[in-house]
Amino acid sequence: MLSEKEIQFYSRQLGIPLWDPGVQERLKTSRVFVAGAGGLGSAVIYYLASAGVGTITICDSDKVEISNLNRQILHRYEHIGMKKTDSARIAATGLNPFISIQTLPIKIDKANAGEIVGDTDLIIDCLDNFEARFILNAVSVNRGIPMIHAGVSEFQGQITFLHPPATPCLACFIKKDTVTQHNRVAGMTPGILGTMQALEAIKYLTGIDGCMKNRLLFWDGLTMRLESILIKHDPKCSVCGKFHDGASGP
């Protein structure tokens, strides 16, 4: 049940026709795993916290650096040197004291990924490297947990909702041997894509229709254009191909 203070906190969204107290209570019991507390993660964590997602687990092994602050709005100058997970927890609970923030200041690898993701409702990929992204993708596929992927570079970004076998997995349309890392980004770019991730998460967790299944959306900040393409299963995918031959799912 929502307390009187929570009803006041969420009053503006509770006035939306698709968003009644029952929807808000579903959010309160939801659990989300956010991989990365950087640029994407900053927007995701802030907006999941403000919307009232009950339990948010934040996984990031880094510490706050001065070069983070142009885009990672969870963190403050006085938090330089602090674990990003601690800085993120302070910011999120300072915004909304009615939720639970769990922190994992560790690096995601093949040995620990399944354990640290745990019993969550949703994985949100806010990472800045594809090695860890592919590890999370495998957990998503094998555990049947949906994952919202986004990536950014300079003034551009992409986002999609993945939940095999109903959708492709990340490895179906991004191949390891074609990946290039980009470390230049305008500060507002991850904010915009992270906000989109948060919206996709809220829609999924509340049962509101419209998640971006089977579509990869591209945003170009220089032209202010949004374009999307259909993405399909790769029957030969080494991660989720086994679910394309008539199996009911992971």
Protein backbone atom coordinates (compact mmCIF):
# COMPACT_ATOMS: atom_id res chain seq x y z
CA MET A 1 0.00 0.00 0.00
CA LEU A 2 1.08 3.56 -0.68
CA SER A 3 1.53 5.88 2.26
CA GLU A 4 0.02 9.36 2.31
CA LYS A 5 3.46 10.84 1.68
CA GLU A 6 4.04 8.53 -1.29
CA ILE A 7 0.68 9.51 -2.79
CA GLN A 8 1.73 13.15 -2.48
CA PHE A 9 5.15 12.39 -3.98
CA TYR A 10 3.68 10.64 -7.03
CA SER A 11 0.55 12.79 -7.36
CA ARG A 12 1.35 14.27 -10.77
CA GLN A 13 1.86 10.89 -12.42
CA LEU A 14 -1.07 9.32 -10.57
CA GLY A 15 -3.28 11.73 -12.50
CA ILE A 16 -2.38 10.05 -15.82
CA PRO A 17 -5.27 7.82 -17.00
CA LEU A 18 -2.92 4.84 -17.56
CA TRP A 19 -1.26 5.36 -14.17
CA ASP A 20 -3.56 4.60 -11.23
CA PRO A 21 -2.55 3.63 -7.65
CA GLY A 22 -2.42 -0.04 -8.69
CA VAL A 23 0.21 0.81 -11.30
CA GLN A 24 2.18 2.76 -8.72
CA GLU A 25 2.06 -0.19 -6.33
CA ARG A 26 3.41 -2.47 -9.08
CA LEU A 27 6.35 -0.11 -9.43
CA LYS A 28 6.87 -0.18 -5.68
CA THR A 29 7.30 -3.97 -5.76
CA SER A 30 9.51 -3.93 -8.88
CA ARG A 31 13.21 -4.75 -8.90
CA VAL A 32 15.60 -3.37 -11.52
CA PHE A 33 19.28 -4.09 -12.09
CA VAL A 34 21.13 -1.07 -13.52
CA ALA A 35 24.55 -1.92 -14.96
CA GLY A 36 26.58 1.27 -14.90
CA ALA A 37 26.25 4.51 -12.93
CA GLY A 38 27.74 6.77 -15.59
CA GLY A 39 26.07 8.98 -18.19
CA LEU A 40 23.24 6.64 -19.16
CA GLY A 41 22.91 5.29 -15.64
CA SER A 42 22.62 8.77 -14.15
CA ALA A 43 19.43 9.54 -16.06
CA VAL A 44 18.07 6.01 -15.65
CA ILE A 45 18.61 5.91 -11.89
CA TYR A 46 17.22 9.40 -11.28
CA TYR A 47 14.05 8.75 -13.25
CA LEU A 48 13.45 5.24 -11.92
CA ALA A 49 13.89 6.63 -8.42
CA SER A 50 11.56 9.57 -9.03
CA ALA A 51 8.94 7.27 -10.60
CA GLY A 52 8.96 5.02 -7.52
CA VAL A 53 10.64 1.78 -8.64
CA GLY A 54 10.88 0.01 -5.29
CA THR A 55 14.30 -1.64 -5.50
CA ILE A 56 17.11 -0.45 -7.73
CA THR A 57 20.39 -2.37 -7.74
CA ILE A 58 23.31 -0.30 -9.06
CA CYS A 59 26.42 -2.11 -10.28
CA ASP A 60 29.57 -0.15 -11.11
CA SER A 61 33.20 -0.77 -10.10
CA ASP A 62 34.52 2.73 -10.83
CA LYS A 63 35.11 5.79 -8.69
CA VAL A 64 33.96 9.30 -9.55
CA GLU A 65 36.51 11.23 -11.63
CA ILE A 66 36.51 14.87 -12.63
CA SER A 67 36.12 13.93 -16.33
CA ASN A 68 32.81 12.19 -15.52
CA LEU A 69 31.02 15.31 -14.38
CA ASN A 70 30.09 16.79 -17.76
CA ARG A 71 27.56 14.00 -18.31
CA GLN A 72 27.17 11.88 -15.16
CA ILE A 73 24.66 14.06 -13.33
CA LEU A 74 24.24 11.70 -10.36
CA HIS A 75 27.66 12.73 -9.11
CA ARG A 76 29.02 15.93 -7.59
CA TYR A 77 32.43 17.60 -7.57
CA GLU A 78 32.79 16.84 -3.87
CA HIS A 79 32.24 13.13 -4.64
CA ILE A 80 35.44 12.83 -6.72
CA GLY A 81 37.24 9.72 -5.50
CA MET A 82 34.06 8.19 -4.04
CA LYS A 83 32.70 4.89 -5.35
CA LYS A 84 30.15 5.67 -8.04
CA THR A 85 27.69 3.28 -6.41
CA ASP A 86 27.88 5.23 -3.14
CA SER A 87 27.56 8.56 -4.91
CA ALA A 88 24.57 7.24 -6.88
CA ARG A 89 22.90 5.92 -3.73
CA ILE A 90 23.26 9.28 -1.99
CA ALA A 91 21.70 11.08 -4.98
CA ALA A 92 18.83 8.61 -5.51
CA THR A 93 17.80 8.28 -1.87
CA GLY A 94 18.14 12.03 -1.46
CA LEU A 95 15.59 12.39 -4.23
CA ASN A 96 13.21 9.65 -3.07
CA PRO A 97 13.48 8.23 0.46
CA PHE A 98 10.64 5.76 -0.16
CA ILE A 99 12.68 3.36 -2.29
CA SER A 100 15.54 0.91 -1.67
CA ILE A 101 18.93 1.31 -3.36
CA GLN A 102 21.29 -1.65 -3.38
CA THR A 103 24.90 -1.18 -4.46
CA LEU A 104 27.41 -3.54 -6.04
CA PRO A 105 30.80 -1.82 -6.47
CA ILE A 106 32.20 -4.68 -8.55
CA LYS A 107 33.11 -5.37 -12.16
CA ILE A 108 30.78 -7.59 -14.17
CA ASP A 109 32.45 -10.70 -15.55
CA LYS A 110 31.43 -14.16 -16.73
CA ALA A 111 32.05 -15.70 -13.33
CA ASN A 112 29.84 -13.36 -11.30
CA ALA A 113 27.23 -11.97 -13.71
CA GLY A 114 24.45 -14.46 -12.99
CA GLU A 115 24.84 -14.12 -9.24
CA ILE A 116 24.97 -10.33 -9.10
CA VAL A 117 22.01 -9.85 -11.45
CA GLY A 118 20.05 -12.05 -9.07
CA ASP A 119 16.28 -12.24 -8.97
CA THR A 120 15.47 -9.04 -10.82
CA ASP A 121 12.56 -8.07 -13.06
CA LEU A 122 14.60 -6.11 -15.59
CA ILE A 123 18.20 -5.45 -16.64
CA ILE A 124 19.14 -2.01 -17.94
CA ASP A 125 22.38 -1.82 -19.91
CA CYS A 126 24.03 1.51 -19.10
CA LEU A 127 27.54 0.24 -19.74
CA ASP A 128 30.32 1.81 -21.76
CA ASN A 129 31.98 -1.39 -23.00
CA PHE A 130 30.69 -4.24 -25.12
CA GLU A 131 32.55 -7.01 -23.32
CA ALA A 132 30.36 -6.55 -20.25
CA ARG A 133 27.30 -5.89 -22.42
CA PHE A 134 27.63 -9.28 -24.11
CA ILE A 135 28.02 -10.95 -20.70
CA LEU A 136 24.81 -9.30 -19.49
CA ASN A 137 23.09 -10.25 -22.74
CA ALA A 138 23.88 -13.92 -22.09
CA VAL A 139 22.42 -13.66 -18.58
CA SER A 140 19.33 -11.97 -20.00
CA VAL A 141 18.82 -14.75 -22.55
CA ASN A 142 19.55 -17.69 -20.28
CA ARG A 143 17.50 -16.37 -17.36
CA GLY A 144 14.62 -15.00 -19.42
CA ILE A 145 15.07 -11.49 -18.00
CA PRO A 146 14.34 -8.62 -20.40
CA MET A 147 17.12 -6.10 -21.04
CA ILE A 148 16.98 -2.52 -22.25
CA HIS A 149 20.09 -1.64 -24.25
CA ALA A 150 21.35 1.81 -25.14
CA GLY A 151 24.63 3.10 -26.48
CA VAL A 152 25.92 6.61 -27.17
CA SER A 153 28.70 8.40 -29.03
CA GLU A 154 29.22 12.12 -29.59
CA PHE A 155 25.73 13.43 -30.54
CA GLN A 156 24.15 10.08 -31.42
CA GLY A 157 22.61 7.15 -29.61
CA GLN A 158 20.61 3.95 -30.03
CA ILE A 159 18.14 2.07 -27.87
CA THR A 160 16.07 -1.14 -27.98
CA PHE A 161 14.11 -3.52 -25.75
CA LEU A 162 15.35 -7.12 -25.78
CA HIS A 163 13.50 -10.18 -24.48
CA PRO A 164 14.25 -13.38 -26.44
CA PRO A 165 12.63 -15.42 -27.83
CA ALA A 166 10.03 -12.70 -28.50
CA THR A 167 12.84 -10.44 -29.74
CA PRO A 168 16.42 -10.84 -30.93
CA CYS A 169 19.19 -10.63 -28.38
CA LEU A 170 22.03 -8.12 -28.51
CA ALA A 171 24.36 -10.60 -30.21
CA CYS A 172 21.90 -11.06 -33.08
CA PHE A 173 22.51 -7.59 -34.48
CA ILE A 174 25.80 -6.47 -32.92
CA LYS A 175 28.72 -8.77 -33.64
CA LYS A 176 31.78 -8.82 -31.41
CA ASP A 177 34.19 -8.49 -34.33
CA THR A 178 32.49 -5.32 -35.59
CA VAL A 179 32.40 -3.41 -32.31
CA THR A 180 34.46 -0.23 -31.95
CA GLN A 181 34.73 1.69 -28.70
CA HIS A 182 34.02 5.43 -28.62
CA ASN A 183 35.05 7.59 -25.68
CA ARG A 184 33.83 10.98 -26.86
CA VAL A 185 30.31 12.11 -26.03
CA ALA A 186 28.40 15.35 -25.56
CA GLY A 187 27.11 15.44 -22.00
CA MET A 188 23.43 15.67 -22.88
CA THR A 189 23.49 12.67 -25.25
CA PRO A 190 23.53 9.94 -22.55
CA GLY A 191 20.98 11.98 -20.61
CA ILE A 192 18.53 11.82 -23.50
CA LEU A 193 19.09 8.11 -24.21
CA GLY A 194 19.05 7.27 -20.50
CA THR A 195 15.72 9.04 -20.12
CA MET A 196 14.39 6.92 -22.98
CA GLN A 197 15.64 3.80 -21.20
CA ALA A 198 13.85 4.84 -18.03
CA LEU A 199 10.61 5.33 -19.96
CA GLU A 200 10.94 1.90 -21.58
CA ALA A 201 11.53 0.42 -18.13
CA ILE A 202 8.46 2.08 -16.63
CA LYS A 203 6.28 0.91 -19.52
CA TYR A 204 7.47 -2.67 -19.12
CA LEU A 205 7.20 -2.78 -15.34
CA THR A 206 3.70 -1.31 -15.30
CA GLY A 207 2.34 -3.24 -18.26
CA ILE A 208 1.78 -0.15 -20.41
CA ASP A 209 1.94 -1.14 -24.07
CA GLY A 210 4.53 0.20 -26.47
CA CYS A 211 7.96 -1.23 -25.62
CA MET A 212 10.41 -1.18 -28.52
CA LYS A 213 10.42 -4.88 -29.24
CA ASN A 214 12.11 -5.82 -32.51
CA ARG A 215 13.03 -2.21 -33.24
CA LEU A 216 16.33 -0.39 -32.89
CA LEU A 217 15.81 3.34 -32.50
CA PHE A 218 18.51 5.80 -33.54
CA TRP A 219 18.64 9.38 -32.26
CA ASP A 220 20.76 12.03 -33.98
CA GLY A 221 21.16 15.12 -31.86
CA LEU A 222 22.70 17.23 -34.63
CA THR A 223 19.68 16.88 -36.91
CA MET A 224 17.14 16.13 -34.15
CA ARG A 225 15.96 13.09 -36.08
CA LEU A 226 14.66 9.80 -34.78
CA GLU A 227 14.77 6.77 -37.04
CA SER A 228 14.14 3.12 -36.33
CA ILE A 229 14.88 -0.14 -38.10
CA LEU A 230 13.45 -3.60 -37.64
CA ILE A 231 15.82 -6.08 -36.03
CA LYS A 232 15.41 -9.83 -36.43
CA HIS A 233 16.64 -13.01 -34.85
CA ASP A 234 19.85 -14.43 -36.20
CA PRO A 235 19.08 -18.18 -36.38
CA LYS A 236 22.80 -18.84 -36.09
CA CYS A 237 23.25 -16.62 -33.03
CA SER A 238 25.56 -18.34 -30.56
CA VAL A 239 23.61 -16.89 -27.61
CA CYS A 240 19.91 -17.17 -28.44
CA GLY A 241 19.89 -19.25 -31.65
CA LYS A 242 18.88 -22.32 -29.65
CA PHE A 243 15.50 -20.69 -28.96
CA HIS A 244 14.65 -20.13 -32.62
CA ASP A 245 13.98 -23.71 -33.56
CA GLY A 246 10.57 -24.07 -32.00
CA ALA A 247 11.53 -23.93 -28.34
CA SER A 248 9.09 -22.08 -26.12
CA GLY A 249 11.70 -19.77 -24.62
CA PRO A 250 14.60 -19.55 -22.20
